[in-house]
Amino acid sequence: MNLLTFDLNLLRVLDALLQEQSTVKAGARIGLSQPAVSSALGRLRLSLGDPLFLRQGQRIVPTDFARSLELPLRRMFDDLESMLSGAADFDPAAATNRFKIAGSDFFAEMLMPPLARALFDRAPGMKVHLVNAKPDDYIGTLENDEADMALVTGLDLPDWIDHVPVFKSYFVMIARNGHPKLEQAGVTTGDTVPLDVLCDLSHAFMSPQGRTRGFGDAALARVGRERRVVMSLPVFSGVYNLVAQSDVVALIPSPLASKVADRLNLSIYKLPMLVHPSHISLAWHKRSTSNPAHRWLRDVVLEILTPLDED
């Protein structure tokens, strides 16, 4: 292929088709009619020597060759946007960017509802998706362009990552209102659960990988004790809904417990041992640091999450 004679505008069409997998939606994304997109796809097929997309029901699916172009294309457009867009030129009200944030379902509860309100008010054309494709490797999602930013624990990050600490969160125990063992022990909402009582209760915890140890086990081990873990679930929402409907208890982050307790008739208790807090940072690839739309979204995320910090 001769790059001098290749219409580079066709790459915008290819990028939109890879994102939308629909000629109609791709056209709407970049301001072209469906026939214009179909015509551009025909020219792309001739130039690149590959069908690129095959019809499957109501949508088109990319060939392996087209898939291999998706990440390089996205990187190229991100780099061009960063290079050509100045912060003064960015208008969130006119923005149509799409971003993916990697994080646990903690952020489905604590971030996404207020973020949706902020976008509706300030950037109605921007789209944001919370993804949890690799719960044990959020940094990997940034390296592979599977996410644009990630909410991660810890500060031991590679040098190609930029990050900012957001908040730290302690853990509390939740149980359903009227839990028989807690009532029998005379423990009421807001009390510190006696160590013997805590260890005698049946526990669940959040683990996408199905691990057998979770939050609090290391702290209990330091005082020579262990708890009875009977279940693990891949998401926090599964944990607190289980607790609301059974006599299982759980240790979850304090802000999340406060958010769902009234809605689910849960009681919150202090822990008898020191559990080190989770330190949450917002991380992103350095190539996006100067991207004005990316920077704007980072600022909004920080605006929402920073108040969760527990000193």
Protein backbone atom coordinates (compact mmCIF):
# COMPACT_ATOMS: atom_id res chain seq x y z
CA MET A 1 0.00 0.00 0.00
CA ASN A 2 1.27 3.46 -0.93
CA LEU A 3 0.78 5.72 2.08
CA LEU A 4 1.10 8.81 -0.12
CA THR A 5 -2.08 7.89 -2.00
CA PHE A 6 -3.98 6.39 0.95
CA ASP A 7 -6.81 8.54 2.33
CA LEU A 8 -6.00 8.81 6.04
CA ASN A 9 -9.58 9.89 6.76
CA LEU A 10 -10.52 6.26 6.15
CA LEU A 11 -8.77 5.39 9.41
CA ARG A 12 -11.35 7.48 11.31
CA VAL A 13 -14.05 5.34 9.73
CA LEU A 14 -12.20 2.13 10.61
CA ASP A 15 -11.75 3.27 14.21
CA ALA A 16 -15.45 4.12 14.51
CA LEU A 17 -16.47 0.76 13.00
CA LEU A 18 -14.23 -1.09 15.44
CA GLN A 19 -15.78 0.82 18.34
CA GLU A 20 -19.43 0.52 17.25
CA GLN A 21 -19.57 -2.62 15.04
CA SER A 22 -22.39 -0.96 13.11
CA THR A 23 -22.23 1.22 10.01
CA VAL A 24 -25.15 3.34 11.25
CA LYS A 25 -23.67 3.92 14.72
CA ALA A 26 -20.18 4.46 13.30
CA GLY A 27 -21.58 7.13 10.98
CA ALA A 28 -23.34 8.88 13.85
CA ARG A 29 -20.11 8.77 15.86
CA ILE A 30 -18.08 10.64 13.23
CA GLY A 31 -20.80 12.64 11.45
CA LEU A 32 -21.18 10.58 8.26
CA SER A 33 -24.21 8.96 6.68
CA GLN A 34 -24.55 5.17 6.61
CA PRO A 35 -23.97 5.02 2.82
CA ALA A 36 -20.80 7.12 3.22
CA VAL A 37 -19.52 4.71 5.88
CA SER A 38 -20.31 1.69 3.70
CA SER A 39 -18.49 3.33 0.77
CA ALA A 40 -15.47 4.06 2.98
CA LEU A 41 -15.47 0.46 4.21
CA GLY A 42 -15.36 -0.73 0.60
CA ARG A 43 -12.33 1.47 -0.07
CA LEU A 44 -10.65 0.20 3.09
CA ARG A 45 -11.18 -3.40 2.01
CA LEU A 46 -9.54 -2.71 -1.33
CA SER A 47 -6.62 -0.82 0.17
CA LEU A 48 -5.91 -3.27 3.00
CA GLY A 49 -6.72 -6.51 1.16
CA ASP A 50 -8.98 -7.87 3.89
CA PRO A 51 -12.78 -8.02 4.38
CA LEU A 52 -12.25 -6.30 7.77
CA PHE A 53 -15.86 -6.95 8.92
CA LEU A 54 -18.30 -9.80 8.42
CA ARG A 55 -22.06 -9.66 8.87
CA GLN A 56 -23.35 -11.50 11.95
CA GLY A 57 -27.04 -10.99 12.60
CA GLN A 58 -27.77 -7.29 13.06
CA ARG A 59 -24.13 -6.30 13.53
CA ILE A 60 -20.79 -6.59 11.83
CA VAL A 61 -17.87 -8.32 13.54
CA PRO A 62 -14.21 -7.55 12.85
CA THR A 63 -11.87 -10.05 11.27
CA ASP A 64 -8.68 -11.02 13.08
CA PHE A 65 -6.76 -8.54 10.94
CA ALA A 66 -9.15 -5.72 11.83
CA ARG A 67 -8.89 -6.60 15.53
CA SER A 68 -5.10 -6.40 15.28
CA LEU A 69 -5.46 -2.78 14.15
CA GLU A 70 -7.80 -1.66 16.95
CA LEU A 71 -5.28 -0.89 19.70
CA PRO A 72 -2.66 0.73 17.42
CA LEU A 73 -5.37 2.93 15.90
CA ARG A 74 -6.67 3.98 19.32
CA ARG A 75 -3.13 4.83 20.47
CA MET A 76 -2.54 6.85 17.30
CA PHE A 77 -5.73 8.90 17.71
CA ASP A 78 -5.07 9.45 21.42
CA ASP A 79 -1.57 10.69 20.63
CA LEU A 80 -2.87 12.98 17.89
CA GLU A 81 -5.54 14.40 20.19
CA SER A 82 -2.98 15.05 22.91
CA MET A 83 -0.63 16.69 20.41
CA LEU A 84 -3.19 18.91 18.69
CA SER A 85 -5.62 19.77 21.48
CA GLY A 86 -4.80 22.49 23.97
CA ALA A 87 -6.44 22.67 27.40
CA ALA A 88 -7.96 26.04 26.48
CA ASP A 89 -9.72 24.46 23.48
CA PHE A 90 -11.47 21.73 25.45
CA ASP A 91 -15.18 22.27 26.02
CA PRO A 92 -16.77 19.47 28.08
CA ALA A 93 -20.25 20.55 26.94
CA ALA A 94 -19.26 19.71 23.34
CA ALA A 95 -17.12 16.64 24.13
CA THR A 96 -18.03 13.26 22.64
CA ASN A 97 -15.13 11.23 24.10
CA ARG A 98 -15.57 7.68 25.34
CA PHE A 99 -13.58 6.48 28.35
CA LYS A 100 -13.20 3.21 30.23
CA ILE A 101 -12.40 3.21 33.95
CA ALA A 102 -11.09 -0.03 35.44
CA GLY A 103 -12.22 -0.71 38.98
CA SER A 104 -14.19 -2.99 41.27
CA ASP A 105 -17.94 -2.76 41.76
CA PHE A 106 -17.21 -0.63 44.86
CA PHE A 107 -17.05 2.17 42.28
CA ALA A 108 -20.31 1.11 40.64
CA GLU A 109 -21.90 2.18 43.92
CA MET A 110 -19.64 5.04 45.05
CA LEU A 111 -18.53 6.67 41.77
CA MET A 112 -20.83 5.96 38.85
CA PRO A 113 -24.14 7.49 40.08
CA PRO A 114 -22.61 10.90 40.96
CA LEU A 115 -20.43 10.71 37.84
CA ALA A 116 -23.53 10.17 35.71
CA ARG A 117 -25.10 13.28 37.23
CA ALA A 118 -21.92 15.28 36.58
CA LEU A 119 -21.79 14.14 32.95
CA PHE A 120 -25.46 14.91 32.33
CA ASP A 121 -24.92 18.42 33.70
CA ARG A 122 -21.50 19.26 32.30
CA ALA A 123 -20.55 16.85 29.49
CA PRO A 124 -23.74 15.26 28.11
CA GLY A 125 -22.00 13.83 25.04
CA MET A 126 -19.23 12.05 26.95
CA LYS A 127 -19.54 8.31 27.59
CA VAL A 128 -17.90 6.49 30.51
CA HIS A 129 -17.81 2.74 31.12
CA LEU A 130 -16.73 1.02 34.34
CA VAL A 131 -14.92 -2.20 33.43
CA ASN A 132 -13.66 -5.05 35.57
CA ALA A 133 -12.12 -7.27 32.90
CA LYS A 134 -8.94 -8.04 34.87
CA PRO A 135 -9.69 -7.55 38.57
CA ASP A 136 -6.25 -8.82 39.56
CA ASP A 137 -4.39 -6.69 37.00
CA TYR A 138 -5.91 -3.25 36.53
CA ILE A 139 -2.49 -1.87 35.55
CA GLY A 140 -2.38 -4.43 32.75
CA THR A 141 -5.62 -3.00 31.36
CA LEU A 142 -3.87 0.38 31.04
CA GLU A 143 -0.84 -1.12 29.33
CA ASN A 144 -3.05 -2.96 26.82
CA ASP A 145 -5.41 -0.02 26.19
CA GLU A 146 -8.33 -1.92 27.71
CA ALA A 147 -8.96 1.02 30.06
CA ASP A 148 -8.10 4.71 30.07
CA MET A 149 -7.67 5.03 33.83
CA ALA A 150 -7.86 2.66 36.78
CA LEU A 151 -8.71 2.87 40.46
CA VAL A 152 -6.11 0.73 42.18
CA THR A 153 -4.84 -0.13 45.65
CA GLY A 154 -1.23 0.43 46.64
CA LEU A 155 1.42 2.77 45.34
CA ASP A 156 3.98 0.35 43.86
CA LEU A 157 3.34 1.30 40.24
CA PRO A 158 5.52 1.08 37.10
CA ASP A 159 7.31 4.20 35.89
CA TRP A 160 5.13 4.55 32.76
CA ILE A 161 2.12 5.19 35.03
CA ASP A 162 1.04 8.54 36.40
CA HIS A 163 -1.13 8.42 39.50
CA VAL A 164 -2.60 10.48 42.30
CA PRO A 165 -3.69 9.20 45.74
CA VAL A 166 -7.46 9.59 46.10
CA PHE A 167 -8.60 8.25 49.48
CA LYS A 168 -7.96 5.67 52.15
CA SER A 169 -10.73 3.51 53.51
CA TYR A 170 -11.00 1.44 56.68
CA PHE A 171 -13.04 -1.73 57.10
CA VAL A 172 -16.09 -2.40 59.23
CA MET A 173 -18.29 -5.42 59.79
CA ILE A 174 -21.84 -5.54 58.47
CA ALA A 175 -24.66 -7.86 59.55
CA ARG A 176 -28.39 -7.87 58.98
CA ASN A 177 -30.49 -5.98 61.51
CA GLY A 178 -31.52 -8.30 64.31
CA HIS A 179 -28.72 -10.83 63.77
CA PRO A 180 -29.43 -13.48 66.46
CA LYS A 181 -25.84 -14.13 67.58
CA LEU A 182 -25.05 -10.44 67.88
CA GLU A 183 -28.26 -9.76 69.81
CA GLN A 184 -27.53 -12.70 72.10
CA ALA A 185 -24.05 -11.27 72.77
CA GLY A 186 -25.55 -7.85 73.51
CA VAL A 187 -23.68 -6.19 70.62
CA THR A 188 -25.58 -3.26 69.11
CA THR A 189 -25.06 -1.14 66.01
CA GLY A 190 -21.90 0.96 66.24
CA ASP A 191 -20.32 -1.24 68.94
CA THR A 192 -16.96 -2.94 68.65
CA VAL A 193 -17.57 -6.63 68.05
CA PRO A 194 -15.79 -8.77 70.69
CA LEU A 195 -13.04 -10.86 69.13
CA ASP A 196 -14.57 -14.16 70.24
CA VAL A 197 -17.93 -13.20 68.74
CA LEU A 198 -16.38 -12.08 65.46
CA CYS A 199 -14.47 -15.33 65.07
CA ASP A 200 -17.56 -17.41 65.85
CA LEU A 201 -19.68 -15.79 63.13
CA SER A 202 -19.94 -17.07 59.56
CA HIS A 203 -18.17 -14.71 57.15
CA ALA A 204 -18.29 -13.93 53.45
CA PHE A 205 -15.92 -11.69 51.52
CA MET A 206 -15.31 -10.29 48.06
CA SER A 207 -12.82 -12.15 45.88
CA PRO A 208 -13.08 -12.25 42.07
CA GLN A 209 -10.56 -15.11 42.11
CA GLY A 210 -12.42 -17.22 44.70
CA ARG A 211 -9.66 -17.01 47.30
CA THR A 212 -10.14 -18.46 50.77
CA ARG A 213 -8.67 -15.51 52.68
CA GLY A 214 -9.70 -11.89 52.45
CA PHE A 215 -9.86 -8.58 54.28
CA GLY A 216 -9.05 -8.96 57.95
CA ASP A 217 -7.49 -12.43 57.93
CA ALA A 218 -3.94 -11.12 58.19
CA ALA A 219 -5.00 -8.86 61.08
CA LEU A 220 -6.57 -11.81 62.89
CA ALA A 221 -3.48 -13.92 62.29
CA ARG A 222 -1.36 -11.26 64.00
CA VAL A 223 -3.33 -11.86 67.21
CA GLY A 224 -3.34 -15.64 66.75
CA ARG A 225 -6.98 -15.96 65.69
CA GLU A 226 -8.94 -16.86 62.57
CA ARG A 227 -12.54 -16.51 61.43
CA ARG A 228 -14.96 -18.92 59.76
CA VAL A 229 -15.19 -18.02 56.08
CA VAL A 230 -18.10 -19.84 54.45
CA MET A 231 -18.43 -17.99 51.13
CA SER A 232 -16.62 -15.69 48.73
CA LEU A 233 -18.27 -13.73 45.96
CA PRO A 234 -16.75 -11.90 42.99
CA VAL A 235 -18.39 -8.53 43.70
CA PHE A 236 -19.15 -6.38 46.74
CA SER A 237 -22.82 -6.14 45.77
CA GLY A 238 -23.10 -9.91 46.04
CA VAL A 239 -21.51 -9.78 49.49
CA TYR A 240 -23.77 -7.14 51.02
CA ASN A 241 -26.91 -8.62 49.46
CA LEU A 242 -25.96 -12.01 50.89
CA VAL A 243 -25.47 -10.44 54.32
CA ALA A 244 -28.85 -8.70 54.09
CA GLN A 245 -30.63 -12.00 53.43
CA SER A 246 -28.82 -14.40 55.79
CA ASP A 247 -26.90 -14.68 59.06
CA VAL A 248 -23.57 -14.39 57.26
CA VAL A 249 -21.54 -11.27 58.10
CA ALA A 250 -18.82 -9.50 56.14
CA LEU A 251 -16.00 -6.99 56.39
CA ILE A 252 -16.34 -4.27 53.74
CA PRO A 253 -15.01 -0.73 53.25
CA SER A 254 -16.61 1.76 55.60
CA PRO A 255 -17.90 4.21 52.91
CA LEU A 256 -19.64 1.37 51.08
CA ALA A 257 -21.21 0.09 54.31
CA SER A 258 -22.54 3.55 55.13
CA LYS A 259 -23.96 3.91 51.61
CA VAL A 260 -25.95 0.64 51.55
CA ALA A 261 -26.80 0.04 55.23
CA ASP A 262 -30.13 1.87 55.43
CA ARG A 263 -31.28 0.61 52.03
CA LEU A 264 -30.63 -3.03 52.94
CA ASN A 265 -31.43 -2.93 56.68
CA LEU A 266 -27.86 -3.63 57.70
CA SER A 267 -26.07 -2.84 60.95
CA ILE A 268 -22.47 -1.60 61.03
CA TYR A 269 -19.94 -2.63 63.70
CA LYS A 270 -16.38 -1.65 64.55
CA LEU A 271 -13.62 -4.27 64.46
CA PRO A 272 -11.71 -5.44 67.54
CA MET A 273 -8.38 -5.63 65.70
CA LEU A 274 -6.44 -3.24 63.48
CA VAL A 275 -7.07 -3.85 59.80
CA HIS A 276 -4.82 -1.71 57.63
CA PRO A 277 -6.86 0.62 55.40
CA SER A 278 -6.96 0.37 51.63
CA HIS A 279 -5.17 3.22 49.89
CA ILE A 280 -6.88 3.97 46.58
CA SER A 281 -5.10 5.77 43.75
CA LEU A 282 -6.26 6.91 40.33
CA ALA A 283 -3.75 5.67 37.76
CA TRP A 284 -3.35 6.20 34.02
CA HIS A 285 -0.78 5.78 31.25
CA LYS A 286 1.56 8.77 30.98
CA ARG A 287 0.66 9.17 27.31
CA SER A 288 -2.77 10.46 28.45
CA THR A 289 -1.52 12.92 31.07
CA SER A 290 -1.81 15.97 28.80
CA ASN A 291 -5.00 14.88 27.03
CA PRO A 292 -7.48 17.64 27.98
CA ALA A 293 -10.58 15.43 27.95
CA HIS A 294 -8.80 12.77 30.01
CA ARG A 295 -7.58 15.43 32.46
CA TRP A 296 -11.09 16.86 32.78
CA LEU A 297 -12.55 13.44 33.59
CA ARG A 298 -9.77 12.74 36.11
CA ASP A 299 -10.62 15.98 37.89
CA VAL A 300 -14.31 15.04 38.08
CA VAL A 301 -13.48 11.56 39.42
CA LEU A 302 -11.26 13.13 42.10
CA GLU A 303 -13.96 15.66 42.95
CA ILE A 304 -16.37 12.78 43.65
CA LEU A 305 -14.05 10.33 45.42
CA THR A 306 -11.71 12.52 47.47
CA PRO A 307 -14.41 13.25 50.11
CA LEU A 308 -14.45 9.50 50.90
CA ASP A 309 -11.02 9.81 52.53
CA GLU A 310 -11.03 8.67 56.16
CA ASP A 311 -8.29 10.42 58.16
